[in-house]
Amino acid sequence: MFTGIIETLGKITDLQQDQGNLHITVQSAISHELKIDQSIAHNGVCLTVIAVADGMHVVTAIEETLNKTSLGHLQVGEPVNLERCMQMNARLDGHIVQGHVDQTAVCTAFKEHDGSWEYTFEYDTSTGNVTVEKGSICVNGISLTVVNSRTNSFSVAIIPYTFEHTNLHNVREGSVVNLEFDIIGKYVARLMQR
């Protein structure tokens, strides 16, 4: 379980294909604190640590994960948003995030305003996922508030701190990002379908 509040940025240092799997090596300020078998979100995708050494950690994304997320687009040297799982005695600053990416989206617009940034993302609605105005959405593992909800797209407004301390500063039109829709909204949508 996560909150969508990014703890730090990591840097991809190595990518190794192994049959249908991808072993991802990440260097970060928190890698030395991680333990094997620990869950950590990478751009919002919950992955298990399989090795830790020299200020780096390794996780594996299986084929299923690569097919449903943007992790297959990662490049060496690229920044990645990292968040360790939440502690039960901590504040829930963002919203309830599972680290189970629902689908990807494409950035269709990026606007810089006076001191903030607005991103618009378009996604495939055939999966039944929806957003609501002022509701929560997780983009690349970041808990954000929807400011403009449409049938197959939504916008989010970004404050300078989030822009500077996450990999959103690299997202532009055409970029592919991971989406995790609000868990409460998903349950409500499923009940309404019945």
Protein backbone atom coordinates (compact mmCIF):
# COMPACT_ATOMS: atom_id res chain seq x y z
CA MET A 1 0.00 0.00 0.00
CA PHE A 2 1.31 3.44 -0.96
CA THR A 3 0.23 7.08 -0.66
CA GLY A 4 1.33 8.53 -4.00
CA ILE A 5 3.75 10.91 -2.27
CA ILE A 6 7.07 10.38 -4.06
CA GLU A 7 9.93 9.81 -1.65
CA THR A 8 12.83 10.36 -4.04
CA LEU A 9 13.92 10.13 -7.65
CA GLY A 10 16.07 7.20 -8.69
CA LYS A 11 18.16 6.83 -11.82
CA ILE A 12 18.01 3.79 -14.11
CA THR A 13 21.56 2.43 -14.35
CA ASP A 14 20.96 -0.89 -16.13
CA LEU A 15 18.22 -2.78 -17.96
CA GLN A 16 18.60 -6.52 -18.61
CA GLN A 17 16.15 -8.63 -20.65
CA ASP A 18 15.70 -12.16 -19.31
CA GLN A 19 13.23 -14.04 -21.48
CA GLY A 20 9.97 -12.09 -21.02
CA ASN A 21 11.22 -10.30 -17.91
CA LEU A 22 13.11 -7.04 -17.46
CA HIS A 23 15.61 -6.65 -14.59
CA ILE A 24 15.82 -2.97 -13.67
CA THR A 25 18.77 -1.58 -11.70
CA VAL A 26 18.12 1.72 -9.93
CA GLN A 27 20.52 4.02 -8.10
CA SER A 28 18.90 6.17 -5.42
CA ALA A 29 19.35 7.84 -2.06
CA ILE A 30 17.20 5.15 -0.42
CA SER A 31 18.53 2.03 -2.18
CA HIS A 32 20.97 1.25 0.65
CA GLU A 33 18.02 1.16 3.11
CA LEU A 34 16.03 -1.39 1.10
CA LYS A 35 15.86 -5.10 1.84
CA ILE A 36 15.42 -8.05 -0.47
CA ASP A 37 11.73 -8.98 -0.84
CA GLN A 38 10.59 -5.42 0.03
CA SER A 39 7.93 -3.73 -2.09
CA ILE A 40 8.72 -0.37 -3.66
CA ALA A 41 6.78 1.60 -6.26
CA HIS A 42 8.65 2.60 -9.44
CA ASN A 43 6.63 5.16 -11.42
CA GLY A 44 3.65 3.82 -9.50
CA VAL A 45 4.33 0.14 -10.21
CA CYS A 46 4.77 -2.03 -7.12
CA LEU A 47 7.87 -4.21 -7.65
CA THR A 48 9.83 -6.52 -5.36
CA VAL A 49 13.48 -5.82 -4.55
CA ILE A 50 15.61 -8.81 -5.57
CA ALA A 51 19.11 -7.38 -4.90
CA VAL A 52 20.73 -4.47 -3.06
CA ALA A 53 24.37 -3.34 -3.38
CA ASP A 54 26.51 -0.20 -3.73
CA GLY A 55 23.66 2.31 -3.40
CA MET A 56 21.60 0.49 -6.02
CA HIS A 57 18.74 -1.98 -6.03
CA VAL A 58 17.36 -4.39 -8.61
CA VAL A 59 13.71 -5.22 -9.31
CA THR A 60 12.11 -7.42 -11.95
CA ALA A 61 9.14 -6.54 -14.14
CA ILE A 62 7.50 -9.62 -15.67
CA GLU A 63 5.89 -9.68 -19.10
CA GLU A 64 2.40 -9.01 -17.69
CA THR A 65 3.69 -5.86 -15.95
CA LEU A 66 5.57 -4.71 -19.05
CA ASN A 67 2.42 -5.12 -21.17
CA LYS A 68 0.25 -3.00 -18.85
CA THR A 69 2.67 -0.27 -17.77
CA SER A 70 5.22 2.12 -19.25
CA LEU A 71 8.18 0.29 -17.67
CA GLY A 72 9.11 -1.25 -21.02
CA HIS A 73 9.85 2.29 -22.27
CA LEU A 74 12.50 2.96 -19.59
CA GLN A 75 15.96 4.02 -20.74
CA VAL A 76 19.30 3.94 -18.91
CA GLY A 77 19.92 7.32 -17.28
CA GLU A 78 16.22 8.14 -17.02
CA PRO A 79 14.75 9.28 -13.68
CA VAL A 80 12.14 7.11 -11.96
CA ASN A 81 9.74 8.08 -9.14
CA LEU A 82 10.27 5.95 -6.02
CA GLU A 83 8.05 5.39 -3.00
CA ARG A 84 8.44 2.77 -0.29
CA CYS A 85 5.25 1.22 1.06
CA MET A 86 3.48 3.22 3.74
CA GLN A 87 3.81 2.49 7.42
CA MET A 88 0.58 1.89 9.30
CA ASN A 89 1.48 4.54 11.90
CA ALA A 90 2.11 7.28 9.32
CA ARG A 91 -0.10 10.02 7.93
CA LEU A 92 -1.82 9.31 4.62
CA ASP A 93 -0.80 12.49 2.81
CA GLY A 94 -1.87 11.49 -0.71
CA HIS A 95 -4.57 8.88 -1.25
CA ILE A 96 -4.77 5.09 -1.05
CA VAL A 97 -2.55 3.73 -3.82
CA GLN A 98 -2.00 0.01 -4.36
CA GLY A 99 0.87 0.17 -6.82
CA HIS A 100 -1.23 -1.84 -9.28
CA VAL A 101 -1.23 0.17 -12.49
CA ASP A 102 -4.55 -0.01 -14.35
CA GLN A 103 -3.31 1.21 -17.72
CA THR A 104 -1.12 3.73 -19.47
CA ALA A 105 -2.04 7.13 -20.86
CA VAL A 106 -0.48 9.55 -23.33
CA CYS A 107 0.23 13.18 -22.53
CA THR A 108 -1.70 15.22 -25.11
CA ALA A 109 -1.02 18.71 -23.75
CA PHE A 110 1.52 20.43 -21.52
CA LYS A 111 1.11 24.07 -20.53
CA GLU A 112 3.28 26.18 -18.30
CA HIS A 113 1.33 28.73 -16.29
CA ASP A 114 2.68 31.42 -14.05
CA GLY A 115 4.26 29.25 -11.34
CA SER A 116 2.48 25.97 -12.14
CA TRP A 117 2.08 23.42 -14.92
CA GLU A 118 -0.96 21.74 -16.44
CA TYR A 119 -0.86 18.31 -18.05
CA THR A 120 -3.63 16.64 -20.03
CA PHE A 121 -3.62 12.86 -20.42
CA GLU A 122 -5.73 10.71 -22.75
CA TYR A 123 -6.54 7.07 -21.96
CA ASP A 124 -8.53 4.14 -23.40
CA THR A 125 -11.97 4.00 -21.77
CA SER A 126 -12.73 0.43 -22.87
CA THR A 127 -11.46 -0.82 -19.50
CA GLY A 128 -14.23 1.11 -17.72
CA ASN A 129 -11.91 3.42 -15.77
CA VAL A 130 -13.17 6.94 -15.07
CA THR A 131 -12.01 10.12 -13.42
CA VAL A 132 -14.07 12.72 -11.57
CA GLU A 133 -13.50 16.42 -11.04
CA LYS A 134 -11.52 16.99 -7.81
CA GLY A 135 -11.02 13.23 -7.47
CA SER A 136 -7.70 11.46 -7.03
CA ILE A 137 -5.58 9.91 -9.78
CA CYS A 138 -2.13 8.37 -9.60
CA VAL A 139 0.18 9.35 -12.50
CA ASN A 140 3.59 7.63 -12.53
CA GLY A 141 3.01 6.92 -8.84
CA ILE A 142 2.20 10.53 -7.96
CA SER A 143 -1.04 11.25 -6.10
CA LEU A 144 -2.70 14.11 -8.01
CA THR A 145 -6.07 15.86 -8.09
CA VAL A 146 -8.10 15.84 -11.31
CA VAL A 147 -8.90 19.41 -12.35
CA ASN A 148 -10.68 18.70 -15.62
CA SER A 149 -12.41 15.36 -16.21
CA ARG A 150 -13.66 14.31 -19.65
CA THR A 151 -14.84 11.01 -21.14
CA ASN A 152 -11.39 9.75 -22.15
CA SER A 153 -9.03 12.36 -20.73
CA PHE A 154 -8.29 14.49 -17.70
CA SER A 155 -6.00 17.31 -16.64
CA VAL A 156 -3.93 17.84 -13.51
CA ALA A 157 -2.27 20.99 -12.19
CA ILE A 158 1.24 20.64 -10.78
CA ILE A 159 2.86 22.78 -8.09
CA PRO A 160 6.58 23.65 -8.39
CA TYR A 161 7.64 21.19 -5.66
CA THR A 162 6.04 18.23 -7.48
CA PHE A 163 7.43 19.40 -10.83
CA GLU A 164 10.97 19.63 -9.44
CA HIS A 165 10.99 16.49 -7.25
CA THR A 166 9.35 13.94 -9.58
CA ASN A 167 9.93 12.84 -13.15
CA LEU A 168 6.97 14.91 -14.37
CA HIS A 169 9.51 17.54 -15.42
CA ASN A 170 10.46 15.12 -18.24
CA VAL A 171 6.86 14.47 -19.39
CA ARG A 172 5.83 16.28 -22.57
CA GLU A 173 3.25 15.74 -25.32
CA GLY A 174 3.53 12.14 -26.53
CA SER A 175 5.02 10.79 -23.29
CA VAL A 176 3.51 7.55 -21.97
CA VAL A 177 2.70 7.45 -18.24
CA ASN A 178 1.25 4.91 -15.80
CA LEU A 179 -2.24 5.43 -14.36
CA GLU A 180 -3.78 3.97 -11.25
CA PHE A 181 -7.37 5.08 -10.83
CA ASP A 182 -8.86 5.70 -7.39
CA ILE A 183 -9.73 2.37 -5.73
CA ILE A 184 -13.01 3.69 -4.32
CA GLY A 185 -14.04 4.92 -7.76
CA LYS A 186 -13.22 1.52 -9.26
CA TYR A 187 -15.43 -0.27 -6.75
CA VAL A 188 -18.30 2.17 -7.33
CA ALA A 189 -17.97 1.77 -11.12
CA ARG A 190 -18.03 -2.04 -10.77
CA LEU A 191 -21.14 -1.92 -8.56
CA MET A 192 -22.90 0.37 -11.05
CA GLN A 193 -22.13 -2.11 -13.88
CA ARG A 194 -23.97 -4.83 -11.98
